[in-house]
C-alpha atoms as a PDB file:
ATOM      1  CA  MET A   1       0.000   0.000   0.000  1.00  0.00           C
ATOM      2  CA  ASN A   2       1.274   3.438  -0.899  1.00  0.00           C
ATOM      3  CA  PHE A   3       0.839   5.674   2.140  1.00  0.00           C
ATOM      4  CA  SER A   4       1.505   8.828   0.095  1.00  0.00           C
ATOM      5  CA  ASP A   5      -1.553   8.104  -2.044  1.00  0.00           C
ATOM      6  CA  VAL A   6      -3.694   7.441   1.025  1.00  0.00           C
ATOM      7  CA  LEU A   7      -2.594  10.718   2.638  1.00  0.00           C
ATOM      8  CA  LYS A   8      -3.170  12.686  -0.570  1.00  0.00           C
ATOM      9  CA  GLU A   9      -6.649  11.205  -0.936  1.00  0.00           C
ATOM     10  CA  THR A  10      -7.398  12.034   2.715  1.00  0.00           C
ATOM     11  CA  VAL A  11      -6.490  15.693   2.196  1.00  0.00           C
ATOM     12  CA  GLU A  12      -8.412  15.945  -1.063  1.00  0.00           C
ATOM     13  CA  LYS A  13     -11.627  14.600   0.507  1.00  0.00           C
ATOM     14  CA  VAL A  14     -11.827  17.292   3.205  1.00  0.00           C
ATOM     15  CA  ASP A  15     -12.594  20.938   2.447  1.00  0.00           C
ATOM     16  CA  GLY A  16      -9.851  23.080   3.951  1.00  0.00           C
ATOM     17  CA  ALA A  17      -7.455  20.206   4.651  1.00  0.00           C
ATOM     18  CA  VAL A  18      -3.870  21.047   3.685  1.00  0.00           C
ATOM     19  CA  SER A  19      -1.725  18.165   4.924  1.00  0.00           C
ATOM     20  CA  ALA A  20      -1.866  14.687   6.383  1.00  0.00           C
ATOM     21  CA  MET A  21       0.759  12.543   8.016  1.00  0.00           C
ATOM     22  CA  ILE A  22       1.415   9.292   9.769  1.00  0.00           C
ATOM     23  CA  ILE A  23       3.228   9.913  13.036  1.00  0.00           C
ATOM     24  CA  ALA A  24       4.841   7.312  15.274  1.00  0.00           C
ATOM     25  CA  SER A  25       3.976   7.656  18.954  1.00  0.00           C
ATOM     26  CA  ASP A  26       7.608   8.669  19.573  1.00  0.00           C
ATOM     27  CA  GLY A  27       7.056  11.706  17.309  1.00  0.00           C
ATOM     28  CA  ILE A  28       8.843  10.487  14.178  1.00  0.00           C
ATOM     29  CA  LEU A  29       7.070  11.344  10.910  1.00  0.00           C
ATOM     30  CA  VAL A  30       6.620   8.125   8.939  1.00  0.00           C
ATOM     31  CA  GLU A  31       5.020   9.675   5.847  1.00  0.00           C
ATOM     32  CA  GLU A  32       3.495  13.019   4.969  1.00  0.00           C
ATOM     33  CA  TYR A  33       1.576  14.706   2.198  1.00  0.00           C
ATOM     34  CA  VAL A  34       1.615  18.501   2.058  1.00  0.00           C
ATOM     35  CA  GLN A  35      -0.639  20.490  -0.228  1.00  0.00           C
ATOM     36  CA  GLU A  36      -0.007  23.737   1.670  1.00  0.00           C
ATOM     37  CA  LYS A  37       2.313  24.241   4.618  1.00  0.00           C
ATOM     38  CA  LEU A  38       0.508  25.959   7.499  1.00  0.00           C
ATOM     39  CA  ILE A  39       2.740  24.648  10.284  1.00  0.00           C
ATOM     40  CA  ASP A  40       6.094  22.949  10.777  1.00  0.00           C
ATOM     41  CA  LEU A  41       5.235  19.263  10.444  1.00  0.00           C
ATOM     42  CA  THR A  42       8.515  18.114  11.973  1.00  0.00           C
ATOM     43  CA  GLY A  43       7.693  20.248  15.008  1.00  0.00           C
ATOM     44  CA  LEU A  44       4.209  18.765  15.091  1.00  0.00           C
ATOM     45  CA  GLY A  45       5.718  15.293  15.122  1.00  0.00           C
ATOM     46  CA  ALA A  46       7.990  16.185  18.017  1.00  0.00           C
ATOM     47  CA  GLU A  47       5.157  17.746  20.017  1.00  0.00           C
ATOM     48  CA  ALA A  48       2.776  14.918  19.136  1.00  0.00           C
ATOM     49  CA  SER A  49       4.658  12.407  21.265  1.00  0.00           C
ATOM     50  CA  ALA A  50       4.126  14.555  24.377  1.00  0.00           C
ATOM     51  CA  MET A  51       0.459  15.168  23.484  1.00  0.00           C
ATOM     52  CA  ILE A  52      -0.168  11.456  22.903  1.00  0.00           C
ATOM     53  CA  ARG A  53       1.418  10.581  26.246  1.00  0.00           C
ATOM     54  CA  ASP A  54      -0.423  13.307  28.185  1.00  0.00           C
ATOM     55  CA  ILE A  55      -3.817  12.583  26.640  1.00  0.00           C
ATOM     56  CA  GLY A  56      -3.324   8.887  27.339  1.00  0.00           C
ATOM     57  CA  TYR A  57      -2.583   9.633  30.999  1.00  0.00           C
ATOM     58  CA  ALA A  58      -5.591  11.950  31.261  1.00  0.00           C
ATOM     59  CA  ALA A  59      -7.935   9.361  29.726  1.00  0.00           C
ATOM     60  CA  GLU A  60      -6.551   6.721  32.080  1.00  0.00           C
ATOM     61  CA  ASN A  61      -6.863   8.948  35.166  1.00  0.00           C
ATOM     62  CA  LEU A  62     -10.445   9.836  34.248  1.00  0.00           C
ATOM     63  CA  ARG A  63     -11.200   6.157  33.577  1.00  0.00           C
ATOM     64  CA  LEU A  64     -12.386   6.947  30.068  1.00  0.00           C
ATOM     65  CA  GLY A  65     -10.737   3.980  28.408  1.00  0.00           C
ATOM     66  CA  GLU A  66      -8.354   4.290  25.502  1.00  0.00           C
ATOM     67  CA  ALA A  67      -8.044   7.703  23.809  1.00  0.00           C
ATOM     68  CA  ARG A  68      -8.531   7.025  20.082  1.00  0.00           C
ATOM     69  CA  GLU A  69      -8.831  10.547  18.713  1.00  0.00           C
ATOM     70  CA  PHE A  70      -8.032  14.092  19.747  1.00  0.00           C
ATOM     71  CA  SER A  71      -7.882  17.491  18.148  1.00  0.00           C
ATOM     72  CA  ILE A  72      -6.416  20.924  18.659  1.00  0.00           C
ATOM     73  CA  ILE A  73      -8.153  23.895  17.097  1.00  0.00           C
ATOM     74  CA  SER A  74      -6.243  27.180  17.003  1.00  0.00           C
ATOM     75  CA  ASP A  75      -6.291  30.484  15.123  1.00  0.00           C
ATOM     76  CA  THR A  76      -3.841  29.094  12.556  1.00  0.00           C
ATOM     77  CA  CYS A  77      -5.262  25.625  11.933  1.00  0.00           C
ATOM     78  CA  GLY A  78      -6.873  22.555  13.361  1.00  0.00           C
ATOM     79  CA  ILE A  79      -5.072  19.265  13.874  1.00  0.00           C
ATOM     80  CA  ILE A  80      -7.044  16.060  14.217  1.00  0.00           C
ATOM     81  CA  MET A  81      -5.168  12.916  15.231  1.00  0.00           C
ATOM     82  CA  ARG A  82      -6.637   9.404  15.142  1.00  0.00           C
ATOM     83  CA  LYS A  83      -4.931   6.332  16.544  1.00  0.00           C
ATOM     84  CA  ILE A  84      -4.007   3.639  14.017  1.00  0.00           C
ATOM     85  CA  ASN A  85      -2.607   1.286  16.646  1.00  0.00           C
ATOM     86  CA  GLU A  86      -0.465   1.477  19.786  1.00  0.00           C
ATOM     87  CA  GLY A  87       2.489   2.955  17.925  1.00  0.00           C
ATOM     88  CA  TYR A  88       1.050   5.120  15.129  1.00  0.00           C
ATOM     89  CA  TYR A  89      -1.380   7.980  14.505  1.00  0.00           C
ATOM     90  CA  LEU A  90      -2.942   9.499  11.411  1.00  0.00           C
ATOM     91  CA  ALA A  91      -3.038  13.303  11.570  1.00  0.00           C
ATOM     92  CA  LEU A  92      -4.859  15.840   9.425  1.00  0.00           C
ATOM     93  CA  VAL A  93      -4.156  19.585   9.340  1.00  0.00           C
ATOM     94  CA  ILE A  94      -7.108  21.775   8.363  1.00  0.00           C
ATOM     95  CA  LYS A  95      -7.490  25.513   7.809  1.00  0.00           C
ATOM     96  CA  PRO A  96      -9.652  27.334  10.391  1.00  0.00           C
ATOM     97  CA  GLU A  97     -12.604  27.536   7.986  1.00  0.00           C
ATOM     98  CA  GLY A  98     -12.283  23.868   6.966  1.00  0.00           C
ATOM     99  CA  ASN A  99     -14.760  21.058   7.502  1.00  0.00           C
ATOM    100  CA  TYR A 100     -13.667  19.479  10.796  1.00  0.00           C
ATOM    101  CA  GLY A 101     -16.619  17.093  10.994  1.00  0.00           C
ATOM    102  CA  LYS A 102     -15.780  15.608   7.622  1.00  0.00           C
ATOM    103  CA  GLY A 103     -12.116  15.495   8.613  1.00  0.00           C
ATOM    104  CA  ARG A 104     -12.968  13.382  11.654  1.00  0.00           C
ATOM    105  CA  TYR A 105     -15.153  11.109   9.529  1.00  0.00           C
ATOM    106  CA  ILE A 106     -12.498  10.650   6.836  1.00  0.00           C
ATOM    107  CA  LEU A 107      -9.849   9.771   9.436  1.00  0.00           C
ATOM    108  CA  LYS A 108     -12.235   7.304  11.064  1.00  0.00           C
ATOM    109  CA  THR A 109     -12.877   5.564   7.736  1.00  0.00           C
ATOM    110  CA  THR A 110      -9.263   5.715   6.530  1.00  0.00           C
ATOM    111  CA  VAL A 111      -7.640   4.088   9.562  1.00  0.00           C
ATOM    112  CA  PRO A 112      -9.213   0.637   8.953  1.00  0.00           C
ATOM    113  CA  LYS A 113      -7.861   0.735   5.385  1.00  0.00           C
ATOM    114  CA  ILE A 114      -4.252   1.093   6.548  1.00  0.00           C
ATOM    115  CA  GLU A 115      -4.069  -0.426  10.044  1.00  0.00           C
ATOM    116  CA  ASN A 116      -3.093  -3.880   8.786  1.00  0.00           C
ATOM    117  CA  GLU A 117       0.066  -2.357   7.271  1.00  0.00           C
ATOM    118  CA  PHE A 118       1.422  -1.613  10.749  1.00  0.00           C
END
């Protein structure tokens, strides 16, 4: 399976989406597709490992079960991250005016297509 094609298709299906990436839970970018660069994706990868860890602890402490998805919405962009498996996440970067609901849906439907590759 070509991850670049999957990421490109993910971005193209969501209005306002500008990039998608697969990030390892240690913050390493596995693959990325960038249509427009709104943020430093390497920096996102590095920060993602801390976010993944902290959100996991919070979910555990609140007895919510496993955290499968989280998002950050800011003035610059929105970032939606969905868990592929224990070690990998699929992330989508969307412009502020983008369609976040569709972004969440597309990530939810894309993960099952690629999870067996990990």
